[in-house]
Amino acid sequence: MKWEDLKVLIDSEALFTSIPRQTLERLGLKPVSRQRFRAYSGEIIERDIGGAVIEYENRRVIAPVVFGEPTDLPVLGVTT
């Protein structure tokens, strides 16, 4: 299993974790679906979704992840 350390914002209002697409692809992860979201600006956006093993504070979970675009802020959402 490949791992990569990331700095992300912990956001209690974000449902999903968003990780840059480049990072997820480098780890060999692929999207399984596409979903619409409301961005912080209020704009409706579409992003690819996949799954990843995420470790935070010595806790590992399998969580849905958003394949973030270059303009998206990396965040740790509440489902993680």
N, C-alpha and C. Protein backbone atom coordinates (compact mmCIF):
# COMPACT_ATOMS: atom_id res chain seq x y z
N MET A 1 0.85 -1.17 0.00
CA MET A 1 0.00 0.00 0.00
C MET A 1 0.90 1.24 0.00
N LYS A 2 0.59 2.20 -0.84
CA LYS A 2 1.35 3.45 -0.90
C LYS A 2 0.76 4.47 0.06
N TRP A 3 1.63 5.29 0.65
CA TRP A 3 1.21 6.34 1.58
C TRP A 3 1.83 7.66 1.18
N GLU A 4 1.16 8.74 1.53
CA GLU A 4 1.72 10.07 1.32
C GLU A 4 1.20 10.99 2.42
N ASP A 5 2.10 11.75 3.03
CA ASP A 5 1.70 12.72 4.05
C ASP A 5 1.17 13.98 3.38
N LEU A 6 0.06 14.50 3.91
CA LEU A 6 -0.55 15.71 3.36
C LEU A 6 -0.91 16.67 4.47
N LYS A 7 -0.89 17.94 4.16
CA LYS A 7 -1.42 18.95 5.06
C LYS A 7 -2.80 19.32 4.54
N VAL A 8 -3.81 19.17 5.40
CA VAL A 8 -5.18 19.47 5.01
C VAL A 8 -5.85 20.30 6.11
N LEU A 9 -6.87 21.01 5.73
CA LEU A 9 -7.68 21.76 6.68
C LEU A 9 -8.72 20.81 7.26
N ILE A 10 -8.89 20.78 8.57
CA ILE A 10 -9.95 19.98 9.19
C ILE A 10 -11.20 20.85 9.18
N ASP A 11 -12.22 20.37 8.46
CA ASP A 11 -13.42 21.17 8.24
C ASP A 11 -14.65 20.41 8.70
N SER A 12 -15.22 20.81 9.83
CA SER A 12 -16.40 20.12 10.38
C SER A 12 -17.66 20.37 9.55
N GLU A 13 -17.60 21.26 8.57
CA GLU A 13 -18.76 21.49 7.71
C GLU A 13 -18.65 20.75 6.38
N ALA A 14 -17.48 20.18 6.10
CA ALA A 14 -17.28 19.42 4.85
C ALA A 14 -17.69 17.98 5.10
N LEU A 15 -18.55 17.45 4.26
CA LEU A 15 -18.98 16.07 4.42
C LEU A 15 -17.86 15.10 4.04
N PHE A 16 -17.22 15.35 2.90
CA PHE A 16 -16.18 14.45 2.40
C PHE A 16 -14.79 15.06 2.54
N THR A 17 -13.81 14.20 2.52
CA THR A 17 -12.42 14.63 2.46
C THR A 17 -12.07 14.90 1.00
N SER A 18 -11.38 15.99 0.76
CA SER A 18 -10.94 16.35 -0.59
C SER A 18 -9.42 16.33 -0.64
N ILE A 19 -8.91 15.55 -1.57
CA ILE A 19 -7.46 15.41 -1.75
C ILE A 19 -7.16 15.73 -3.21
N PRO A 20 -6.06 16.43 -3.47
CA PRO A 20 -5.74 16.76 -4.87
C PRO A 20 -5.72 15.52 -5.77
N ARG A 21 -6.34 15.65 -6.92
CA ARG A 21 -6.40 14.56 -7.90
C ARG A 21 -5.00 14.00 -8.18
N GLN A 22 -4.02 14.88 -8.37
CA GLN A 22 -2.65 14.45 -8.65
C GLN A 22 -2.14 13.47 -7.60
N THR A 23 -2.41 13.78 -6.34
CA THR A 23 -1.96 12.93 -5.23
C THR A 23 -2.65 11.57 -5.29
N LEU A 24 -3.96 11.58 -5.46
CA LEU A 24 -4.71 10.32 -5.50
C LEU A 24 -4.27 9.45 -6.68
N GLU A 25 -4.05 10.08 -7.84
CA GLU A 25 -3.61 9.32 -9.00
C GLU A 25 -2.19 8.78 -8.80
N ARG A 26 -1.33 9.55 -8.17
CA ARG A 26 0.04 9.10 -7.88
C ARG A 26 0.01 7.86 -6.97
N LEU A 27 -1.00 7.79 -6.10
CA LEU A 27 -1.15 6.65 -5.19
C LEU A 27 -1.86 5.47 -5.87
N GLY A 28 -2.24 5.65 -7.13
CA GLY A 28 -2.88 4.57 -7.88
C GLY A 28 -4.38 4.48 -7.69
N LEU A 29 -5.00 5.49 -7.09
CA LEU A 29 -6.45 5.47 -6.86
C LEU A 29 -7.19 6.00 -8.08
N LYS A 30 -8.37 5.43 -8.31
CA LYS A 30 -9.19 5.82 -9.45
C LYS A 30 -10.59 6.18 -8.97
N PRO A 31 -11.22 7.15 -9.63
CA PRO A 31 -12.59 7.50 -9.24
C PRO A 31 -13.57 6.39 -9.60
N VAL A 32 -14.65 6.29 -8.83
CA VAL A 32 -15.69 5.29 -9.10
C VAL A 32 -17.01 5.94 -9.48
N SER A 33 -17.16 7.23 -9.21
CA SER A 33 -18.39 7.94 -9.58
C SER A 33 -18.11 9.44 -9.63
N ARG A 34 -19.13 10.18 -9.99
CA ARG A 34 -19.03 11.64 -10.06
C ARG A 34 -20.23 12.20 -9.31
N GLN A 35 -20.03 13.29 -8.58
CA GLN A 35 -21.09 13.83 -7.74
C GLN A 35 -21.06 15.36 -7.76
N ARG A 36 -22.22 15.94 -7.53
CA ARG A 36 -22.32 17.40 -7.43
C ARG A 36 -22.19 17.83 -5.97
N PHE A 37 -21.55 18.98 -5.78
CA PHE A 37 -21.34 19.55 -4.46
C PHE A 37 -21.61 21.04 -4.50
N ARG A 38 -21.90 21.59 -3.35
CA ARG A 38 -21.97 23.05 -3.23
C ARG A 38 -20.63 23.51 -2.66
N ALA A 39 -19.94 24.35 -3.42
CA ALA A 39 -18.63 24.87 -3.00
C ALA A 39 -18.83 25.93 -1.92
N TYR A 40 -17.72 26.31 -1.27
CA TYR A 40 -17.78 27.34 -0.24
C TYR A 40 -18.39 28.63 -0.78
N SER A 41 -18.17 28.89 -2.06
CA SER A 41 -18.69 30.11 -2.70
C SER A 41 -20.19 30.03 -2.96
N GLY A 42 -20.77 28.82 -2.80
CA GLY A 42 -22.19 28.63 -3.09
C GLY A 42 -22.42 28.05 -4.48
N GLU A 43 -21.38 28.04 -5.30
CA GLU A 43 -21.45 27.51 -6.65
C GLU A 43 -21.61 25.99 -6.61
N ILE A 44 -22.39 25.43 -7.55
CA ILE A 44 -22.52 23.97 -7.67
C ILE A 44 -21.40 23.48 -8.58
N ILE A 45 -20.63 22.51 -8.09
CA ILE A 45 -19.51 21.95 -8.85
C ILE A 45 -19.66 20.44 -8.93
N GLU A 46 -19.01 19.82 -9.89
CA GLU A 46 -18.98 18.36 -10.01
C GLU A 46 -17.55 17.88 -9.81
N ARG A 47 -17.41 16.81 -9.05
CA ARG A 47 -16.09 16.24 -8.80
C ARG A 47 -16.19 14.71 -8.81
N ASP A 48 -15.08 14.07 -9.16
CA ASP A 48 -14.99 12.62 -9.10
C ASP A 48 -14.84 12.19 -7.64
N ILE A 49 -15.35 10.98 -7.34
CA ILE A 49 -15.31 10.41 -6.00
C ILE A 49 -14.67 9.02 -6.07
N GLY A 50 -13.89 8.70 -5.05
CA GLY A 50 -13.31 7.37 -4.93
C GLY A 50 -13.21 7.01 -3.46
N GLY A 51 -12.43 6.02 -3.16
CA GLY A 51 -12.24 5.61 -1.77
C GLY A 51 -10.76 5.51 -1.46
N ALA A 52 -10.40 5.77 -0.21
CA ALA A 52 -9.00 5.71 0.20
C ALA A 52 -8.89 5.32 1.67
N VAL A 53 -7.77 4.72 2.02
CA VAL A 53 -7.46 4.48 3.42
C VAL A 53 -6.77 5.75 3.91
N ILE A 54 -7.32 6.35 4.97
CA ILE A 54 -6.79 7.60 5.51
C ILE A 54 -6.40 7.36 6.96
N GLU A 55 -5.22 7.84 7.32
CA GLU A 55 -4.76 7.73 8.70
C GLU A 55 -4.62 9.13 9.28
N TYR A 56 -5.22 9.32 10.46
CA TYR A 56 -5.14 10.60 11.16
C TYR A 56 -5.08 10.30 12.65
N GLU A 57 -4.09 10.84 13.32
CA GLU A 57 -3.91 10.62 14.76
C GLU A 57 -3.97 9.14 15.13
N ASN A 58 -3.18 8.33 14.43
CA ASN A 58 -3.07 6.89 14.68
C ASN A 58 -4.38 6.12 14.48
N ARG A 59 -5.29 6.66 13.72
CA ARG A 59 -6.56 5.98 13.43
C ARG A 59 -6.67 5.83 11.92
N ARG A 60 -6.94 4.63 11.46
CA ARG A 60 -7.10 4.38 10.02
C ARG A 60 -8.55 4.08 9.70
N VAL A 61 -9.02 4.68 8.60
CA VAL A 61 -10.38 4.43 8.13
C VAL A 61 -10.36 4.34 6.61
N ILE A 62 -11.35 3.65 6.08
CA ILE A 62 -11.60 3.68 4.64
C ILE A 62 -12.70 4.71 4.46
N ALA A 63 -12.42 5.72 3.65
CA ALA A 63 -13.36 6.84 3.53
C ALA A 63 -13.54 7.25 2.07
N PRO A 64 -14.72 7.80 1.76
CA PRO A 64 -14.89 8.39 0.43
C PRO A 64 -14.01 9.64 0.33
N VAL A 65 -13.42 9.84 -0.84
CA VAL A 65 -12.60 11.03 -1.06
C VAL A 65 -13.00 11.69 -2.37
N VAL A 66 -12.94 13.01 -2.36
CA VAL A 66 -13.19 13.81 -3.55
C VAL A 66 -11.85 14.01 -4.26
N PHE A 67 -11.83 13.80 -5.56
CA PHE A 67 -10.65 14.06 -6.37
C PHE A 67 -10.62 15.56 -6.64
N GLY A 68 -9.87 16.27 -5.80
CA GLY A 68 -9.84 17.73 -5.86
C GLY A 68 -9.12 18.26 -7.09
N GLU A 69 -9.63 19.36 -7.60
CA GLU A 69 -9.01 20.06 -8.72
C GLU A 69 -7.98 21.05 -8.17
N PRO A 70 -7.11 21.60 -9.03
CA PRO A 70 -6.05 22.50 -8.54
C PRO A 70 -6.55 23.69 -7.71
N THR A 71 -7.76 24.15 -7.96
CA THR A 71 -8.29 25.29 -7.21
C THR A 71 -8.98 24.89 -5.91
N ASP A 72 -9.14 23.58 -5.66
CA ASP A 72 -9.83 23.10 -4.46
C ASP A 72 -8.88 23.02 -3.27
N LEU A 73 -9.37 23.41 -2.12
CA LEU A 73 -8.60 23.34 -0.89
C LEU A 73 -8.63 21.90 -0.36
N PRO A 74 -7.49 21.29 -0.03
CA PRO A 74 -7.50 19.95 0.57
C PRO A 74 -8.11 20.02 1.98
N VAL A 75 -9.14 19.21 2.22
CA VAL A 75 -9.80 19.24 3.53
C VAL A 75 -10.05 17.82 4.03
N LEU A 76 -10.10 17.70 5.35
CA LEU A 76 -10.49 16.47 6.01
C LEU A 76 -11.94 16.67 6.45
N GLY A 77 -12.85 15.91 5.85
CA GLY A 77 -14.27 16.08 6.14
C GLY A 77 -14.76 15.19 7.27
N VAL A 78 -16.02 15.35 7.63
CA VAL A 78 -16.57 14.64 8.80
C VAL A 78 -16.74 13.14 8.59
N THR A 79 -16.81 12.66 7.34
CA THR A 79 -16.95 11.21 7.13
C THR A 79 -15.63 10.49 7.32
N THR A 80 -14.58 11.24 7.57
CA THR A 80 -13.26 10.64 7.82
C THR A 80 -13.00 10.76 9.29
